[in-house]
Amino acid sequence: MTIREACLKAKKEGRGITRKSYGQRPPLFLPTNTSSCVLLIPSGEDSFKTKRWNPNLDDLIATDWYVYG
């Protein structure tokens, strides 16, 4: 599905989104209406959460988004 479709479904279900192309342990993206914008929660233990994820063109036009988390 598109990023828009995934965001709408995730909002309804209270979940996050990610892409199939990110692999078996993908990061979780939480779109918000706050100043944090989209929170990025990596799957790795050594990684840290960050806010204001900046998608690239491939992320925006991809059709492999799905609800996750």
PDB file of N, CA and C in Angstrom:
ATOM      1  N   MET A   1       0.833  -1.177   0.000  1.00  0.00           N
ATOM      2  CA  MET A   1       0.000   0.000   0.000  1.00  0.00           C
ATOM      3  C   MET A   1       0.878   1.240   0.000  1.00  0.00           C
ATOM      4  N   THR A   2       0.324   2.366  -0.296  1.00  0.00           N
ATOM      5  CA  THR A   2       1.086   3.614  -0.313  1.00  0.00           C
ATOM      6  C   THR A   2       1.286   4.109   1.111  1.00  0.00           C
ATOM      7  N   ILE A   3       2.163   5.073   1.276  1.00  0.00           N
ATOM      8  CA  ILE A   3       2.415   5.624   2.617  1.00  0.00           C
ATOM      9  C   ILE A   3       1.147   6.279   3.170  1.00  0.00           C
ATOM     10  N   ARG A   4       0.368   6.903   2.304  1.00  0.00           N
ATOM     11  CA  ARG A   4      -0.882   7.529   2.742  1.00  0.00           C
ATOM     12  C   ARG A   4      -1.864   6.479   3.252  1.00  0.00           C
ATOM     13  N   GLU A   5      -2.029   5.413   2.503  1.00  0.00           N
ATOM     14  CA  GLU A   5      -2.942   4.343   2.910  1.00  0.00           C
ATOM     15  C   GLU A   5      -2.494   3.716   4.226  1.00  0.00           C
ATOM     16  N   ALA A   6      -1.192   3.490   4.356  1.00  0.00           N
ATOM     17  CA  ALA A   6      -0.654   2.895   5.585  1.00  0.00           C
ATOM     18  C   ALA A   6      -0.857   3.822   6.777  1.00  0.00           C
ATOM     19  N   CYS A   7      -0.641   5.119   6.588  1.00  0.00           N
ATOM     20  CA  CYS A   7      -0.824   6.080   7.683  1.00  0.00           C
ATOM     21  C   CYS A   7      -2.276   6.132   8.139  1.00  0.00           C
ATOM     22  N   LEU A   8      -3.203   6.142   7.198  1.00  0.00           N
ATOM     23  CA  LEU A   8      -4.626   6.189   7.551  1.00  0.00           C
ATOM     24  C   LEU A   8      -5.046   4.942   8.322  1.00  0.00           C
ATOM     25  N   LYS A   9      -4.592   3.783   7.877  1.00  0.00           N
ATOM     26  CA  LYS A   9      -4.921   2.532   8.561  1.00  0.00           C
ATOM     27  C   LYS A   9      -4.260   2.473   9.937  1.00  0.00           C
ATOM     28  N   ALA A  10      -2.992   2.893  10.024  1.00  0.00           N
ATOM     29  CA  ALA A  10      -2.268   2.879  11.303  1.00  0.00           C
ATOM     30  C   ALA A  10      -2.920   3.820  12.308  1.00  0.00           C
ATOM     31  N   LYS A  11      -3.371   4.964  11.836  1.00  0.00           N
ATOM     32  CA  LYS A  11      -4.033   5.919  12.732  1.00  0.00           C
ATOM     33  C   LYS A  11      -5.301   5.307  13.305  1.00  0.00           C
ATOM     34  N   LYS A  12      -6.059   4.636  12.464  1.00  0.00           N
ATOM     35  CA  LYS A  12      -7.307   4.006  12.892  1.00  0.00           C
ATOM     36  C   LYS A  12      -7.046   2.892  13.914  1.00  0.00           C
ATOM     37  N   GLU A  13      -5.945   2.160  13.730  1.00  0.00           N
ATOM     38  CA  GLU A  13      -5.624   1.028  14.596  1.00  0.00           C
ATOM     39  C   GLU A  13      -4.710   1.398  15.766  1.00  0.00           C
ATOM     40  N   GLY A  14      -4.197   2.624  15.788  1.00  0.00           N
ATOM     41  CA  GLY A  14      -3.290   3.036  16.855  1.00  0.00           C
ATOM     42  C   GLY A  14      -1.939   2.353  16.787  1.00  0.00           C
ATOM     43  N   ARG A  15      -1.436   2.169  15.552  1.00  0.00           N
ATOM     44  CA  ARG A  15      -0.164   1.476  15.350  1.00  0.00           C
ATOM     45  C   ARG A  15       0.765   2.331  14.498  1.00  0.00           C
ATOM     46  N   GLY A  16       1.926   1.777  14.146  1.00  0.00           N
ATOM     47  CA  GLY A  16       2.895   2.461  13.302  1.00  0.00           C
ATOM     48  C   GLY A  16       2.926   1.843  11.915  1.00  0.00           C
ATOM     49  N   ILE A  17       3.897   2.274  11.121  1.00  0.00           N
ATOM     50  CA  ILE A  17       4.048   1.765   9.762  1.00  0.00           C
ATOM     51  C   ILE A  17       5.509   1.436   9.481  1.00  0.00           C
ATOM     52  N   THR A  18       5.733   0.649   8.459  1.00  0.00           N
ATOM     53  CA  THR A  18       7.077   0.366   7.965  1.00  0.00           C
ATOM     54  C   THR A  18       6.968  -0.164   6.548  1.00  0.00           C
ATOM     55  N   ARG A  19       8.112  -0.440   5.933  1.00  0.00           N
ATOM     56  CA  ARG A  19       8.147  -0.953   4.565  1.00  0.00           C
ATOM     57  C   ARG A  19       8.660  -2.387   4.530  1.00  0.00           C
ATOM     58  N   LYS A  20       8.112  -3.198   3.637  1.00  0.00           N
ATOM     59  CA  LYS A  20       8.566  -4.577   3.462  1.00  0.00           C
ATOM     60  C   LYS A  20      10.027  -4.619   3.042  1.00  0.00           C
ATOM     61  N   SER A  21      10.461  -3.648   2.258  1.00  0.00           N
ATOM     62  CA  SER A  21      11.845  -3.639   1.766  1.00  0.00           C
ATOM     63  C   SER A  21      12.872  -3.369   2.870  1.00  0.00           C
ATOM     64  N   TYR A  22      12.424  -3.021   4.067  1.00  0.00           N
ATOM     65  CA  TYR A  22      13.352  -2.784   5.170  1.00  0.00           C
ATOM     66  C   TYR A  22      13.781  -4.070   5.864  1.00  0.00           C
ATOM     67  N   GLY A  23      13.256  -5.219   5.452  1.00  0.00           N
ATOM     68  CA  GLY A  23      13.726  -6.495   5.976  1.00  0.00           C
ATOM     69  C   GLY A  23      12.898  -7.060   7.106  1.00  0.00           C
ATOM     70  N   GLN A  24      13.493  -8.051   7.800  1.00  0.00           N
ATOM     71  CA  GLN A  24      12.765  -8.793   8.825  1.00  0.00           C
ATOM     72  C   GLN A  24      12.625  -8.061  10.152  1.00  0.00           C
ATOM     73  N   ARG A  25      13.555  -7.195  10.464  1.00  0.00           N
ATOM     74  CA  ARG A  25      13.459  -6.399  11.709  1.00  0.00           C
ATOM     75  C   ARG A  25      13.455  -4.921  11.334  1.00  0.00           C
ATOM     76  N   PRO A  26      12.363  -4.462  10.727  1.00  0.00           N
ATOM     77  CA  PRO A  26      12.322  -3.089  10.216  1.00  0.00           C
ATOM     78  C   PRO A  26      12.123  -2.061  11.322  1.00  0.00           C
ATOM     79  N   PRO A  27      12.487  -0.828  11.050  1.00  0.00           N
ATOM     80  CA  PRO A  27      12.185   0.236  12.001  1.00  0.00           C
ATOM     81  C   PRO A  27      10.685   0.509  12.000  1.00  0.00           C
ATOM     82  N   LEU A  28      10.192   1.052  13.081  1.00  0.00           N
ATOM     83  CA  LEU A  28       8.789   1.425  13.216  1.00  0.00           C
ATOM     84  C   LEU A  28       8.688   2.937  13.072  1.00  0.00           C
ATOM     85  N   PHE A  29       7.785   3.391  12.238  1.00  0.00           N
ATOM     86  CA  PHE A  29       7.543   4.818  12.047  1.00  0.00           C
ATOM     87  C   PHE A  29       6.186   5.162  12.642  1.00  0.00           C
ATOM     88  N   LEU A  30       6.154   6.169  13.516  1.00  0.00           N
ATOM     89  CA  LEU A  30       4.910   6.605  14.133  1.00  0.00           C
ATOM     90  C   LEU A  30       4.577   8.030  13.678  1.00  0.00           C
ATOM     91  N   PRO A  31       3.700   8.170  12.698  1.00  0.00           N
ATOM     92  CA  PRO A  31       3.300   9.503  12.247  1.00  0.00           C
ATOM     93  C   PRO A  31       2.462  10.179  13.336  1.00  0.00           C
ATOM     94  N   THR A  32       2.744  11.446  13.610  1.00  0.00           N
ATOM     95  CA  THR A  32       1.996  12.192  14.627  1.00  0.00           C
ATOM     96  C   THR A  32       1.599  13.565  14.095  1.00  0.00           C
ATOM     97  N   ASN A  33       0.722  14.219  14.812  1.00  0.00           N
ATOM     98  CA  ASN A  33       0.356  15.606  14.526  1.00  0.00           C
ATOM     99  C   ASN A  33       1.014  16.544  15.533  1.00  0.00           C
ATOM    100  N   THR A  34       2.159  16.165  16.042  1.00  0.00           N
ATOM    101  CA  THR A  34       2.893  16.963  17.018  1.00  0.00           C
ATOM    102  C   THR A  34       4.115  17.594  16.347  1.00  0.00           C
ATOM    103  N   SER A  35       4.841  18.386  17.086  1.00  0.00           N
ATOM    104  CA  SER A  35       6.058  18.995  16.546  1.00  0.00           C
ATOM    105  C   SER A  35       7.153  17.949  16.293  1.00  0.00           C
ATOM    106  N   SER A  36       6.965  16.735  16.790  1.00  0.00           N
ATOM    107  CA  SER A  36       7.917  15.649  16.538  1.00  0.00           C
ATOM    108  C   SER A  36       7.740  15.046  15.153  1.00  0.00           C
ATOM    109  N   CYS A  37       6.636  15.339  14.488  1.00  0.00           N
ATOM    110  CA  CYS A  37       6.327  14.855  13.131  1.00  0.00           C
ATOM    111  C   CYS A  37       6.229  13.330  13.099  1.00  0.00           C
ATOM    112  N   VAL A  38       7.184  12.658  12.504  1.00  0.00           N
ATOM    113  CA  VAL A  38       7.177  11.189  12.441  1.00  0.00           C
ATOM    114  C   VAL A  38       8.305  10.670  13.330  1.00  0.00           C
ATOM    115  N   LEU A  39       7.922   9.882  14.338  1.00  0.00           N
ATOM    116  CA  LEU A  39       8.921   9.284  15.219  1.00  0.00           C
ATOM    117  C   LEU A  39       9.473   8.033  14.562  1.00  0.00           C
ATOM    118  N   LEU A  40      10.767   7.831  14.668  1.00  0.00           N
ATOM    119  CA  LEU A  40      11.442   6.658  14.121  1.00  0.00           C
ATOM    120  C   LEU A  40      11.963   5.825  15.283  1.00  0.00           C
ATOM    121  N   ILE A  41      11.496   4.584  15.363  1.00  0.00           N
ATOM    122  CA  ILE A  41      11.920   3.683  16.432  1.00  0.00           C
ATOM    123  C   ILE A  41      12.623   2.498  15.779  1.00  0.00           C
ATOM    124  N   PRO A  42      13.948   2.477  15.802  1.00  0.00           N
ATOM    125  CA  PRO A  42      14.707   1.394  15.172  1.00  0.00           C
ATOM    126  C   PRO A  42      14.515   0.076  15.909  1.00  0.00           C
ATOM    127  N   SER A  43      14.743  -1.027  15.225  1.00  0.00           N
ATOM    128  CA  SER A  43      14.578  -2.338  15.844  1.00  0.00           C
ATOM    129  C   SER A  43      15.828  -2.800  16.582  1.00  0.00           C
ATOM    130  N   GLY A  44      16.971  -2.238  16.268  1.00  0.00           N
ATOM    131  CA  GLY A  44      18.216  -2.651  16.912  1.00  0.00           C
ATOM    132  C   GLY A  44      18.336  -2.155  18.333  1.00  0.00           C
ATOM    133  N   GLU A  45      18.965  -2.957  19.182  1.00  0.00           N
ATOM    134  CA  GLU A  45      19.135  -2.593  20.592  1.00  0.00           C
ATOM    135  C   GLU A  45      20.098  -1.427  20.775  1.00  0.00           C
ATOM    136  N   ASP A  46      21.073  -1.300  19.895  1.00  0.00           N
ATOM    137  CA  ASP A  46      22.061  -0.240  20.019  1.00  0.00           C
ATOM    138  C   ASP A  46      21.597   1.069  19.388  1.00  0.00           C
ATOM    139  N   SER A  47      20.423   1.062  18.794  1.00  0.00           N
ATOM    140  CA  SER A  47      19.901   2.241  18.126  1.00  0.00           C
ATOM    141  C   SER A  47      19.063   3.071  19.095  1.00  0.00           C
ATOM    142  N   PHE A  48      18.750   4.293  18.706  1.00  0.00           N
ATOM    143  CA  PHE A  48      17.951   5.155  19.556  1.00  0.00           C
ATOM    144  C   PHE A  48      16.808   5.767  18.763  1.00  0.00           C
ATOM    145  N   LYS A  49      15.751   6.121  19.491  1.00  0.00           N
ATOM    146  CA  LYS A  49      14.596   6.755  18.867  1.00  0.00           C
ATOM    147  C   LYS A  49      14.979   8.141  18.396  1.00  0.00           C
ATOM    148  N   THR A  50      14.341   8.577  17.352  1.00  0.00           N
ATOM    149  CA  THR A  50      14.572   9.929  16.868  1.00  0.00           C
ATOM    150  C   THR A  50      13.256  10.503  16.370  1.00  0.00           C
ATOM    151  N   LYS A  51      13.178  11.808  16.271  1.00  0.00           N
ATOM    152  CA  LYS A  51      11.971  12.438  15.757  1.00  0.00           C
ATOM    153  C   LYS A  51      12.287  13.132  14.439  1.00  0.00           C
ATOM    154  N   ARG A  52      11.247  13.494  13.757  1.00  0.00           N
ATOM    155  CA  ARG A  52      11.333  14.209  12.484  1.00  0.00           C
ATOM    156  C   ARG A  52      12.066  13.418  11.404  1.00  0.00           C
ATOM    157  N   TRP A  53      11.605  12.200  11.182  1.00  0.00           N
ATOM    158  CA  TRP A  53      12.146  11.366  10.109  1.00  0.00           C
ATOM    159  C   TRP A  53      11.981  12.098   8.786  1.00  0.00           C
ATOM    160  N   ASN A  54      13.009  12.071   7.968  1.00  0.00           N
ATOM    161  CA  ASN A  54      12.992  12.717   6.657  1.00  0.00           C
ATOM    162  C   ASN A  54      12.993  11.652   5.567  1.00  0.00           C
ATOM    163  N   PRO A  55      11.839  11.372   4.985  1.00  0.00           N
ATOM    164  CA  PRO A  55      11.789  10.353   3.935  1.00  0.00           C
ATOM    165  C   PRO A  55      12.440  10.838   2.648  1.00  0.00           C
ATOM    166  N   ASN A  56      12.973   9.890   1.889  1.00  0.00           N
ATOM    167  CA  ASN A  56      13.499  10.251   0.577  1.00  0.00           C
ATOM    168  C   ASN A  56      12.413   9.980  -0.469  1.00  0.00           C
ATOM    169  N   LEU A  57      12.688  10.277  -1.714  1.00  0.00           N
ATOM    170  CA  LEU A  57      11.699  10.112  -2.777  1.00  0.00           C
ATOM    171  C   LEU A  57      11.222   8.670  -2.880  1.00  0.00           C
ATOM    172  N   ASP A  58      12.144   7.709  -2.784  1.00  0.00           N
ATOM    173  CA  ASP A  58      11.759   6.302  -2.871  1.00  0.00           C
ATOM    174  C   ASP A  58      10.777   5.917  -1.766  1.00  0.00           C
ATOM    175  N   ASP A  59      10.967   6.453  -0.555  1.00  0.00           N
ATOM    176  CA  ASP A  59      10.032   6.190   0.540  1.00  0.00           C
ATOM    177  C   ASP A  59       8.647   6.748   0.223  1.00  0.00           C
ATOM    178  N   LEU A  60       8.607   7.933  -0.312  1.00  0.00           N
ATOM    179  CA  LEU A  60       7.327   8.593  -0.576  1.00  0.00           C
ATOM    180  C   LEU A  60       6.522   7.951  -1.700  1.00  0.00           C
ATOM    181  N   ILE A  61       7.194   7.384  -2.692  1.00  0.00           N
ATOM    182  CA  ILE A  61       6.465   6.804  -3.822  1.00  0.00           C
ATOM    183  C   ILE A  61       6.345   5.276  -3.739  1.00  0.00           C
ATOM    184  N   ALA A  62       6.912   4.671  -2.706  1.00  0.00           N
ATOM    185  CA  ALA A  62       6.876   3.213  -2.548  1.00  0.00           C
ATOM    186  C   ALA A  62       5.453   2.715  -2.330  1.00  0.00           C
ATOM    187  N   THR A  63       5.222   1.483  -2.722  1.00  0.00           N
ATOM    188  CA  THR A  63       3.906   0.859  -2.518  1.00  0.00           C
ATOM    189  C   THR A  63       4.010  -0.379  -1.632  1.00  0.00           C
ATOM    190  N   ASP A  64       5.117  -0.500  -0.883  1.00  0.00           N
ATOM    191  CA  ASP A  64       5.289  -1.663   0.002  1.00  0.00           C
ATOM    192  C   ASP A  64       5.129  -1.316   1.486  1.00  0.00           C
ATOM    193  N   TRP A  65       4.440  -0.234   1.778  1.00  0.00           N
ATOM    194  CA  TRP A  65       4.184   0.162   3.165  1.00  0.00           C
ATOM    195  C   TRP A  65       3.118  -0.742   3.763  1.00  0.00           C
ATOM    196  N   TYR A  66       3.241  -0.992   5.076  1.00  0.00           N
ATOM    197  CA  TYR A  66       2.201  -1.744   5.782  1.00  0.00           C
ATOM    198  C   TYR A  66       2.155  -1.321   7.245  1.00  0.00           C
ATOM    199  N   VAL A  67       1.057  -1.621   7.895  1.00  0.00           N
ATOM    200  CA  VAL A  67       0.868  -1.298   9.314  1.00  0.00           C
ATOM    201  C   VAL A  67       1.690  -2.285  10.131  1.00  0.00           C
ATOM    202  N   TYR A  68       2.350  -1.772  11.164  1.00  0.00           N
ATOM    203  CA  TYR A  68       3.316  -2.575  11.914  1.00  0.00           C
ATOM    204  C   TYR A  68       3.311  -2.114  13.363  1.00  0.00           C
ATOM    205  N   GLY A  69       3.578  -3.041  14.268  1.00  0.00           N
ATOM    206  CA  GLY A  69       3.725  -2.689  15.675  1.00  0.00           C
ATOM    207  C   GLY A  69       2.479  -2.855  16.493  1.00  0.00           C
TER     208      GLY A  69
END
